[in-house]
Each structure stands twice: as C-alpha cells, then as structure tokens.
Amino acid sequence: MTEGINDAGLEIVRHFEGCRLEPYVCSGGHATIGFGAIYAADGQRVTMGHPPITEERAEELLRRDVNISYRAVERLTQPYTEDLTRNQKSALASLVFNIGSGNFRASAVRSNIVRGEIENAGRQIYQWRRAGGRIMRGLVRRRAEETDLYFAV
C-alpha cells in the first residue's frame, strides 16, 4: 500500500494552487474548484454552474487528487519507484498534479528515472515552467520548491 504524498509536497500544491470555493476557469481552460480540482466529490467534471464548496470539501478533494498523482508517480516510475525517496515521490506528485500524468509520462523527468538516472531527473523538473508557451513566474517558483523537495534529504 502506498504511503501517499508527504506534508511538504501537499503544502507545495496547497500554496501554489490556492483555494477557491466557487468554480473558476484555471489557466488550462478547465472549470475548477477548491485547490485545482476538475472533478467534484461525485466524480463528475466541475462546471461553472457547480455550487460552492466548503473548505473541508476543498481539502478532501485536494487530498484525493494529490494521492491520485502520487500513485501515478509510483506506477509510471517502475522499476525504479523503490529507489525514490518519499520527498522525491512527493515532489513528483506535485508536478504531476500540475501537468497531468500524460505529460509526466512523456517527460524527460520520467525518462531519466526509468533509466535509473534519479539525480538527473530532479534537474529536469524546471523544464515545466511554461503555460501557453510563456515562462510563468509562479511556475518558476513552484518548480524551484519541487526541485528543493526532490533533493531534500
């Protein structure tokens, strides 16, 4: 059984996603609620007509979604998952939460891990600092925090 994202990884996601209790359109163009959830508690896609949620529900959705991302990291980094520390997996879960598992699957970060180049993989996280083709200050800061967590002892 997976242990799930650690507190440091969860805090990165919480900080950079921010929390909105009413639906909004994220930078990726998706109707979103809470800390970046695109799926409501019932599993349906969030719409702009979705009712507001409580802070408690936002936290539940966050924990559900980051742990889905964490499990995706474990699945997609085989056979080297056991070589990754919990900090590394948590940093990668934050990355996957933000860019999606499909993008992670095709990334240089993952390619390095599955070649056993664990340290080099951490140096590739910064590449994911663009949105709409532009380098975004918030993504630069987020990738720096994820990289710091990745290399934390």
N, C-alpha and C. Protein backbone atom coordinates (compact mmCIF):
# COMPACT_ATOMS: atom_id res chain seq x y z
N MET A 1 0.85 -1.19 0.00
CA MET A 1 0.00 0.00 0.00
C MET A 1 0.88 1.24 0.00
N THR A 2 0.50 2.20 -0.78
CA THR A 2 1.27 3.44 -0.90
C THR A 2 1.11 4.31 0.35
N GLU A 3 2.18 5.03 0.69
CA GLU A 3 2.08 5.89 1.87
C GLU A 3 1.44 7.23 1.53
N GLY A 4 1.49 7.65 0.29
CA GLY A 4 0.87 8.92 -0.10
C GLY A 4 1.83 10.10 0.02
N ILE A 5 1.39 11.19 -0.49
CA ILE A 5 2.20 12.42 -0.51
C ILE A 5 2.51 12.86 0.92
N ASN A 6 3.69 13.41 1.13
CA ASN A 6 4.04 13.89 2.46
C ASN A 6 3.56 15.33 2.66
N ASP A 7 3.69 15.83 3.88
CA ASP A 7 3.19 17.17 4.20
C ASP A 7 3.87 18.26 3.37
N ALA A 8 5.16 18.12 3.12
CA ALA A 8 5.88 19.13 2.35
C ALA A 8 5.36 19.21 0.91
N GLY A 9 5.12 18.06 0.31
CA GLY A 9 4.58 18.04 -1.05
C GLY A 9 3.17 18.59 -1.09
N LEU A 10 2.37 18.21 -0.11
CA LEU A 10 1.00 18.70 -0.03
C LEU A 10 0.97 20.22 0.13
N GLU A 11 1.90 20.74 0.91
CA GLU A 11 1.94 22.19 1.12
C GLU A 11 2.33 22.94 -0.15
N ILE A 12 3.20 22.36 -0.97
CA ILE A 12 3.54 22.99 -2.26
C ILE A 12 2.28 23.11 -3.11
N VAL A 13 1.55 22.03 -3.22
CA VAL A 13 0.32 22.05 -4.03
C VAL A 13 -0.66 23.05 -3.44
N ARG A 14 -0.88 22.97 -2.14
CA ARG A 14 -1.84 23.87 -1.48
C ARG A 14 -1.47 25.33 -1.74
N HIS A 15 -0.21 25.67 -1.57
CA HIS A 15 0.25 27.05 -1.72
C HIS A 15 0.09 27.56 -3.16
N PHE A 16 0.56 26.78 -4.11
CA PHE A 16 0.57 27.27 -5.49
C PHE A 16 -0.78 27.17 -6.18
N GLU A 17 -1.61 26.24 -5.77
CA GLU A 17 -2.94 26.16 -6.36
C GLU A 17 -3.88 27.21 -5.76
N GLY A 18 -3.70 27.51 -4.48
CA GLY A 18 -4.65 28.40 -3.81
C GLY A 18 -6.00 27.71 -3.71
N CYS A 19 -6.91 28.28 -2.95
CA CYS A 19 -8.22 27.66 -2.76
C CYS A 19 -9.32 28.64 -3.13
N ARG A 20 -10.21 28.17 -3.99
CA ARG A 20 -11.39 28.93 -4.34
C ARG A 20 -12.60 28.03 -4.13
N LEU A 21 -13.53 28.52 -3.36
CA LEU A 21 -14.68 27.70 -3.00
C LEU A 21 -15.79 27.75 -4.05
N GLU A 22 -15.66 28.65 -5.01
CA GLU A 22 -16.61 28.72 -6.13
C GLU A 22 -15.87 28.32 -7.40
N PRO A 23 -16.58 27.79 -8.39
CA PRO A 23 -15.92 27.37 -9.62
C PRO A 23 -15.23 28.54 -10.33
N TYR A 24 -14.14 28.22 -10.98
CA TYR A 24 -13.39 29.20 -11.77
C TYR A 24 -12.75 28.47 -12.94
N VAL A 25 -12.28 29.22 -13.91
CA VAL A 25 -11.59 28.63 -15.06
C VAL A 25 -10.10 28.76 -14.80
N CYS A 26 -9.41 27.64 -14.74
CA CYS A 26 -7.97 27.64 -14.47
C CYS A 26 -7.20 28.08 -15.72
N SER A 27 -5.90 28.25 -15.58
CA SER A 27 -5.08 28.70 -16.71
C SER A 27 -5.07 27.69 -17.84
N GLY A 28 -5.41 26.44 -17.53
CA GLY A 28 -5.50 25.41 -18.57
C GLY A 28 -6.85 25.40 -19.28
N GLY A 29 -7.76 26.28 -18.85
CA GLY A 29 -9.06 26.40 -19.50
C GLY A 29 -10.13 25.47 -18.97
N HIS A 30 -9.89 24.85 -17.83
CA HIS A 30 -10.85 23.90 -17.25
C HIS A 30 -11.64 24.55 -16.12
N ALA A 31 -12.91 24.20 -16.02
CA ALA A 31 -13.69 24.59 -14.85
C ALA A 31 -13.10 23.84 -13.66
N THR A 32 -12.83 24.56 -12.60
CA THR A 32 -12.07 24.05 -11.47
C THR A 32 -12.68 24.57 -10.17
N ILE A 33 -12.43 23.86 -9.08
CA ILE A 33 -12.91 24.31 -7.77
C ILE A 33 -11.93 23.86 -6.70
N GLY A 34 -11.97 24.53 -5.56
CA GLY A 34 -11.09 24.15 -4.46
C GLY A 34 -9.64 24.45 -4.80
N PHE A 35 -8.77 23.49 -4.55
CA PHE A 35 -7.34 23.60 -4.84
C PHE A 35 -7.02 23.00 -6.21
N GLY A 36 -7.75 23.40 -7.23
CA GLY A 36 -7.46 22.92 -8.58
C GLY A 36 -8.16 21.64 -8.97
N ALA A 37 -9.23 21.28 -8.29
CA ALA A 37 -9.95 20.04 -8.63
C ALA A 37 -10.79 20.25 -9.88
N ILE A 38 -10.66 19.35 -10.85
CA ILE A 38 -11.51 19.41 -12.03
C ILE A 38 -12.63 18.38 -11.96
N TYR A 39 -12.56 17.52 -10.94
CA TYR A 39 -13.63 16.56 -10.67
C TYR A 39 -14.18 16.79 -9.28
N ALA A 40 -15.50 16.84 -9.18
CA ALA A 40 -16.17 17.04 -7.90
C ALA A 40 -16.12 15.75 -7.08
N ALA A 41 -16.65 15.80 -5.88
CA ALA A 41 -16.64 14.64 -4.98
C ALA A 41 -17.41 13.46 -5.56
N ASP A 42 -18.42 13.75 -6.39
CA ASP A 42 -19.21 12.67 -7.00
C ASP A 42 -18.57 12.10 -8.26
N GLY A 43 -17.38 12.59 -8.63
CA GLY A 43 -16.67 12.09 -9.80
C GLY A 43 -17.03 12.79 -11.11
N GLN A 44 -17.99 13.69 -11.05
CA GLN A 44 -18.40 14.43 -12.26
C GLN A 44 -17.45 15.61 -12.47
N ARG A 45 -17.26 15.99 -13.75
CA ARG A 45 -16.44 17.15 -14.05
C ARG A 45 -17.06 18.38 -13.42
N VAL A 46 -16.24 19.24 -12.88
CA VAL A 46 -16.71 20.52 -12.35
C VAL A 46 -17.15 21.38 -13.53
N THR A 47 -18.25 22.08 -13.36
CA THR A 47 -18.74 23.03 -14.36
C THR A 47 -18.81 24.40 -13.70
N MET A 48 -18.96 25.42 -14.52
CA MET A 48 -19.08 26.76 -13.96
C MET A 48 -20.38 26.92 -13.18
N GLY A 49 -21.35 26.02 -13.38
CA GLY A 49 -22.59 26.05 -12.63
C GLY A 49 -22.54 25.24 -11.34
N HIS A 50 -21.40 24.66 -11.03
CA HIS A 50 -21.25 23.85 -9.83
C HIS A 50 -21.48 24.72 -8.59
N PRO A 51 -22.18 24.22 -7.59
CA PRO A 51 -22.38 25.02 -6.37
C PRO A 51 -21.08 25.20 -5.60
N PRO A 52 -20.98 26.25 -4.81
CA PRO A 52 -19.78 26.45 -3.98
C PRO A 52 -19.58 25.26 -3.04
N ILE A 53 -18.33 25.07 -2.61
CA ILE A 53 -18.00 24.01 -1.68
C ILE A 53 -17.45 24.62 -0.39
N THR A 54 -17.34 23.80 0.63
CA THR A 54 -16.76 24.24 1.90
C THR A 54 -15.24 24.07 1.86
N GLU A 55 -14.57 24.69 2.82
CA GLU A 55 -13.12 24.50 2.94
C GLU A 55 -12.80 23.03 3.22
N GLU A 56 -13.63 22.37 4.00
CA GLU A 56 -13.41 20.96 4.32
C GLU A 56 -13.49 20.10 3.06
N ARG A 57 -14.49 20.37 2.21
CA ARG A 57 -14.63 19.62 0.95
C ARG A 57 -13.44 19.91 0.04
N ALA A 58 -12.99 21.16 -0.01
CA ALA A 58 -11.83 21.51 -0.83
C ALA A 58 -10.61 20.71 -0.38
N GLU A 59 -10.43 20.57 0.92
CA GLU A 59 -9.31 19.82 1.46
C GLU A 59 -9.44 18.33 1.12
N GLU A 60 -10.66 17.79 1.20
CA GLU A 60 -10.89 16.39 0.82
C GLU A 60 -10.54 16.15 -0.65
N LEU A 61 -10.98 17.06 -1.51
CA LEU A 61 -10.69 16.93 -2.95
C LEU A 61 -9.19 17.03 -3.20
N LEU A 62 -8.53 17.95 -2.50
CA LEU A 62 -7.09 18.10 -2.64
C LEU A 62 -6.38 16.80 -2.27
N ARG A 63 -6.70 16.25 -1.12
CA ARG A 63 -6.04 15.02 -0.67
C ARG A 63 -6.32 13.86 -1.63
N ARG A 64 -7.55 13.76 -2.11
CA ARG A 64 -7.89 12.72 -3.09
C ARG A 64 -7.01 12.88 -4.34
N ASP A 65 -6.96 14.09 -4.87
CA ASP A 65 -6.28 14.32 -6.14
C ASP A 65 -4.76 14.22 -6.05
N VAL A 66 -4.16 14.72 -4.96
CA VAL A 66 -2.70 14.60 -4.85
C VAL A 66 -2.29 13.15 -4.65
N ASN A 67 -3.12 12.37 -3.99
CA ASN A 67 -2.76 10.96 -3.82
C ASN A 67 -2.97 10.16 -5.11
N ILE A 68 -3.90 10.58 -5.95
CA ILE A 68 -4.00 10.00 -7.30
C ILE A 68 -2.72 10.31 -8.06
N SER A 69 -2.23 11.54 -7.94
CA SER A 69 -0.98 11.92 -8.60
C SER A 69 0.20 11.13 -8.04
N TYR A 70 0.22 10.92 -6.73
CA TYR A 70 1.29 10.16 -6.08
C TYR A 70 1.31 8.72 -6.61
N ARG A 71 0.13 8.12 -6.68
CA ARG A 71 0.06 6.74 -7.21
C ARG A 71 0.47 6.68 -8.68
N ALA A 72 0.15 7.72 -9.45
CA ALA A 72 0.59 7.77 -10.85
C ALA A 72 2.11 7.81 -10.92
N VAL A 73 2.73 8.59 -10.04
CA VAL A 73 4.20 8.63 -10.00
C VAL A 73 4.75 7.23 -9.71
N GLU A 74 4.19 6.56 -8.72
CA GLU A 74 4.67 5.21 -8.40
C GLU A 74 4.52 4.26 -9.57
N ARG A 75 3.39 4.33 -10.24
CA ARG A 75 3.12 3.45 -11.38
C ARG A 75 4.05 3.75 -12.56
N LEU A 76 4.25 5.03 -12.83
CA LEU A 76 4.99 5.43 -14.03
C LEU A 76 6.51 5.43 -13.86
N THR A 77 6.98 5.23 -12.64
CA THR A 77 8.44 5.21 -12.43
C THR A 77 8.98 3.80 -12.21
N GLN A 78 8.17 2.80 -12.45
CA GLN A 78 8.65 1.42 -12.37
C GLN A 78 9.75 1.21 -13.41
N PRO A 79 10.78 0.48 -13.14
CA PRO A 79 11.04 -0.33 -11.95
C PRO A 79 11.82 0.42 -10.86
N TYR A 80 11.94 1.74 -10.96
CA TYR A 80 12.79 2.49 -10.04
C TYR A 80 12.03 3.16 -8.89
N THR A 81 10.76 2.88 -8.76
CA THR A 81 9.96 3.51 -7.70
C THR A 81 10.60 3.34 -6.33
N GLU A 82 11.10 2.16 -6.04
CA GLU A 82 11.69 1.89 -4.72
C GLU A 82 12.99 2.66 -4.51
N ASP A 83 13.62 3.14 -5.58
CA ASP A 83 14.84 3.92 -5.45
C ASP A 83 14.56 5.38 -5.13
N LEU A 84 13.30 5.81 -5.27
CA LEU A 84 12.93 7.19 -4.99
C LEU A 84 12.58 7.35 -3.52
N THR A 85 13.02 8.46 -2.94
CA THR A 85 12.66 8.76 -1.56
C THR A 85 11.21 9.28 -1.53
N ARG A 86 10.67 9.34 -0.35
CA ARG A 86 9.31 9.88 -0.21
C ARG A 86 9.28 11.36 -0.62
N ASN A 87 10.33 12.11 -0.31
CA ASN A 87 10.41 13.51 -0.75
C ASN A 87 10.40 13.59 -2.27
N GLN A 88 11.16 12.70 -2.92
CA GLN A 88 11.19 12.72 -4.38
C GLN A 88 9.83 12.39 -4.96
N LYS A 89 9.19 11.35 -4.44
CA LYS A 89 7.86 10.99 -4.94
C LYS A 89 6.85 12.09 -4.66
N SER A 90 6.96 12.75 -3.52
CA SER A 90 6.03 13.84 -3.19
C SER A 90 6.25 15.05 -4.10
N ALA A 91 7.51 15.38 -4.38
CA ALA A 91 7.80 16.48 -5.31
C ALA A 91 7.24 16.15 -6.69
N LEU A 92 7.42 14.91 -7.11
CA LEU A 92 6.90 14.49 -8.42
C LEU A 92 5.37 14.47 -8.43
N ALA A 93 4.75 14.13 -7.30
CA ALA A 93 3.29 14.16 -7.22
C ALA A 93 2.77 15.58 -7.40
N SER A 94 3.46 16.57 -6.83
CA SER A 94 3.09 17.96 -7.03
C SER A 94 3.20 18.33 -8.51
N LEU A 95 4.29 17.89 -9.14
CA LEU A 95 4.47 18.14 -10.57
C LEU A 95 3.35 17.50 -11.38
N VAL A 96 3.06 16.24 -11.11
CA VAL A 96 2.00 15.52 -11.84
C VAL A 96 0.64 16.15 -11.60
N PHE A 97 0.37 16.58 -10.38
CA PHE A 97 -0.89 17.27 -10.09
C PHE A 97 -1.04 18.47 -11.02
N ASN A 98 0.06 19.16 -11.29
CA ASN A 98 0.03 20.38 -12.09
C ASN A 98 0.04 20.12 -13.59
N ILE A 99 0.84 19.17 -14.05
CA ILE A 99 0.99 18.97 -15.51
C ILE A 99 0.20 17.79 -16.05
N GLY A 100 -0.28 16.92 -15.18
CA GLY A 100 -1.02 15.73 -15.61
C GLY A 100 -0.12 14.54 -15.82
N SER A 101 -0.68 13.35 -15.64
CA SER A 101 0.13 12.13 -15.74
C SER A 101 0.56 11.85 -17.17
N GLY A 102 -0.23 12.25 -18.16
CA GLY A 102 0.16 12.05 -19.55
C GLY A 102 1.41 12.85 -19.90
N ASN A 103 1.45 14.09 -19.48
CA ASN A 103 2.65 14.91 -19.71
C ASN A 103 3.84 14.36 -18.94
N PHE A 104 3.61 13.90 -17.73
CA PHE A 104 4.70 13.31 -16.95
C PHE A 104 5.23 12.06 -17.64
N ARG A 105 4.33 11.24 -18.16
CA ARG A 105 4.74 10.01 -18.84
C ARG A 105 5.71 10.31 -19.98
N ALA A 106 5.48 11.42 -20.69
CA ALA A 106 6.30 11.78 -21.85
C ALA A 106 7.48 12.68 -21.50
N SER A 107 7.67 12.97 -20.21
CA SER A 107 8.66 13.96 -19.79
C SER A 107 10.08 13.41 -19.69
N ALA A 108 11.04 14.33 -19.76
CA ALA A 108 12.44 13.99 -19.53
C ALA A 108 12.65 13.59 -18.07
N VAL A 109 11.83 14.12 -17.18
CA VAL A 109 11.93 13.75 -15.76
C VAL A 109 11.73 12.25 -15.64
N ARG A 110 10.62 11.76 -16.16
CA ARG A 110 10.32 10.33 -16.07
C ARG A 110 11.34 9.50 -16.85
N SER A 111 11.70 9.95 -18.04
CA SER A 111 12.67 9.20 -18.85
C SER A 111 13.96 8.96 -18.09
N ASN A 112 14.42 9.98 -17.38
CA ASN A 112 15.64 9.83 -16.59
C ASN A 112 15.44 8.82 -15.47
N ILE A 113 14.30 8.86 -14.81
CA ILE A 113 14.05 7.93 -13.71
C ILE A 113 14.04 6.49 -14.20
N VAL A 114 13.34 6.23 -15.29
CA VAL A 114 13.24 4.84 -15.75
C VAL A 114 14.55 4.34 -16.38
N ARG A 115 15.50 5.24 -16.59
CA ARG A 115 16.86 4.84 -16.98
C ARG A 115 17.76 4.71 -15.76
N GLY A 116 17.19 4.95 -14.56
CA GLY A 116 17.97 4.86 -13.35
C GLY A 116 18.77 6.10 -13.03
N GLU A 117 18.53 7.18 -13.75
CA GLU A 117 19.25 8.44 -13.55
C GLU A 117 18.42 9.35 -12.64
N ILE A 118 18.31 8.93 -11.38
CA ILE A 118 17.42 9.57 -10.42
C ILE A 118 17.82 11.02 -10.16
N GLU A 119 19.10 11.29 -9.96
CA GLU A 119 19.54 12.65 -9.68
C GLU A 119 19.32 13.56 -10.89
N ASN A 120 19.64 13.09 -12.07
CA ASN A 120 19.45 13.90 -13.27
C ASN A 120 17.97 14.22 -13.49
N ALA A 121 17.08 13.31 -13.11
CA ALA A 121 15.65 13.55 -13.25
C ALA A 121 15.23 14.81 -12.49
N GLY A 122 15.76 14.99 -11.30
CA GLY A 122 15.43 16.16 -10.50
C GLY A 122 15.85 17.46 -11.15
N ARG A 123 16.92 17.39 -11.95
CA ARG A 123 17.38 18.59 -12.65
C ARG A 123 16.51 18.94 -13.85
N GLN A 124 15.59 18.07 -14.20
CA GLN A 124 14.72 18.31 -15.35
C GLN A 124 13.37 18.92 -14.97
N ILE A 125 13.06 18.97 -13.69
CA ILE A 125 11.77 19.49 -13.23
C ILE A 125 11.53 20.91 -13.73
N TYR A 126 12.58 21.73 -13.74
CA TYR A 126 12.44 23.14 -14.12
C TYR A 126 11.86 23.33 -15.52
N GLN A 127 11.99 22.32 -16.38
CA GLN A 127 11.51 22.46 -17.76
C GLN A 127 10.01 22.74 -17.82
N TRP A 128 9.28 22.40 -16.77
CA TRP A 128 7.83 22.55 -16.75
C TRP A 128 7.41 23.88 -16.12
N ARG A 129 7.96 24.97 -16.63
CA ARG A 129 7.67 26.29 -16.09
C ARG A 129 6.92 27.19 -17.07
N ARG A 130 6.39 26.58 -18.11
CA ARG A 130 5.66 27.35 -19.13
C ARG A 130 4.17 27.03 -19.11
N ALA A 131 3.39 28.03 -19.44
CA ALA A 131 1.95 27.87 -19.67
C ALA A 131 1.63 28.73 -20.89
N GLY A 132 0.96 28.14 -21.85
CA GLY A 132 0.66 28.88 -23.07
C GLY A 132 1.91 29.33 -23.80
N GLY A 133 3.00 28.56 -23.66
CA GLY A 133 4.25 28.89 -24.35
C GLY A 133 5.10 29.94 -23.65
N ARG A 134 4.60 30.51 -22.57
CA ARG A 134 5.33 31.56 -21.85
C ARG A 134 5.82 31.05 -20.50
N ILE A 135 7.02 31.47 -20.14
CA ILE A 135 7.53 31.16 -18.80
C ILE A 135 6.73 31.98 -17.80
N MET A 136 6.18 31.28 -16.80
CA MET A 136 5.34 31.92 -15.80
C MET A 136 6.08 32.00 -14.46
N ARG A 137 6.08 33.17 -13.87
CA ARG A 137 6.79 33.39 -12.61
C ARG A 137 6.33 32.41 -11.53
N GLY A 138 5.02 32.18 -11.42
CA GLY A 138 4.51 31.25 -10.41
C GLY A 138 4.99 29.83 -10.65
N LEU A 139 5.09 29.43 -11.92
CA LEU A 139 5.59 28.08 -12.23
C LEU A 139 7.08 27.97 -11.97
N VAL A 140 7.81 29.05 -12.20
CA VAL A 140 9.25 29.06 -11.89
C VAL A 140 9.44 28.83 -10.38
N ARG A 141 8.65 29.53 -9.56
CA ARG A 141 8.76 29.36 -8.11
C ARG A 141 8.31 27.96 -7.68
N ARG A 142 7.23 27.48 -8.28
CA ARG A 142 6.74 26.14 -7.92
C ARG A 142 7.77 25.09 -8.27
N ARG A 143 8.33 25.16 -9.47
CA ARG A 143 9.33 24.17 -9.86
C ARG A 143 10.56 24.25 -8.97
N ALA A 144 10.93 25.45 -8.51
CA ALA A 144 12.07 25.58 -7.59
C ALA A 144 11.77 24.87 -6.27
N GLU A 145 10.56 25.05 -5.75
CA GLU A 145 10.20 24.38 -4.49
C GLU A 145 10.13 22.86 -4.68
N GLU A 146 9.58 22.41 -5.81
CA GLU A 146 9.53 20.97 -6.07
C GLU A 146 10.94 20.40 -6.19
N THR A 147 11.82 21.13 -6.86
CA THR A 147 13.21 20.68 -7.01
C THR A 147 13.90 20.64 -5.64
N ASP A 148 13.67 21.66 -4.82
CA ASP A 148 14.26 21.65 -3.48
C ASP A 148 13.78 20.43 -2.69
N LEU A 149 12.49 20.14 -2.75
CA LEU A 149 11.97 18.97 -2.04
C LEU A 149 12.55 17.68 -2.63
N TYR A 150 12.67 17.62 -3.94
CA TYR A 150 13.21 16.43 -4.60
C TYR A 150 14.61 16.10 -4.07
N PHE A 151 15.42 17.15 -3.86
CA PHE A 151 16.79 16.94 -3.41
C PHE A 151 16.97 17.02 -1.89
N ALA A 152 15.88 17.23 -1.16
CA ALA A 152 15.96 17.27 0.30
C ALA A 152 16.29 15.90 0.84
N VAL A 153 17.10 15.86 1.87
CA VAL A 153 17.49 14.59 2.48
C VAL A 153 16.35 13.98 3.24
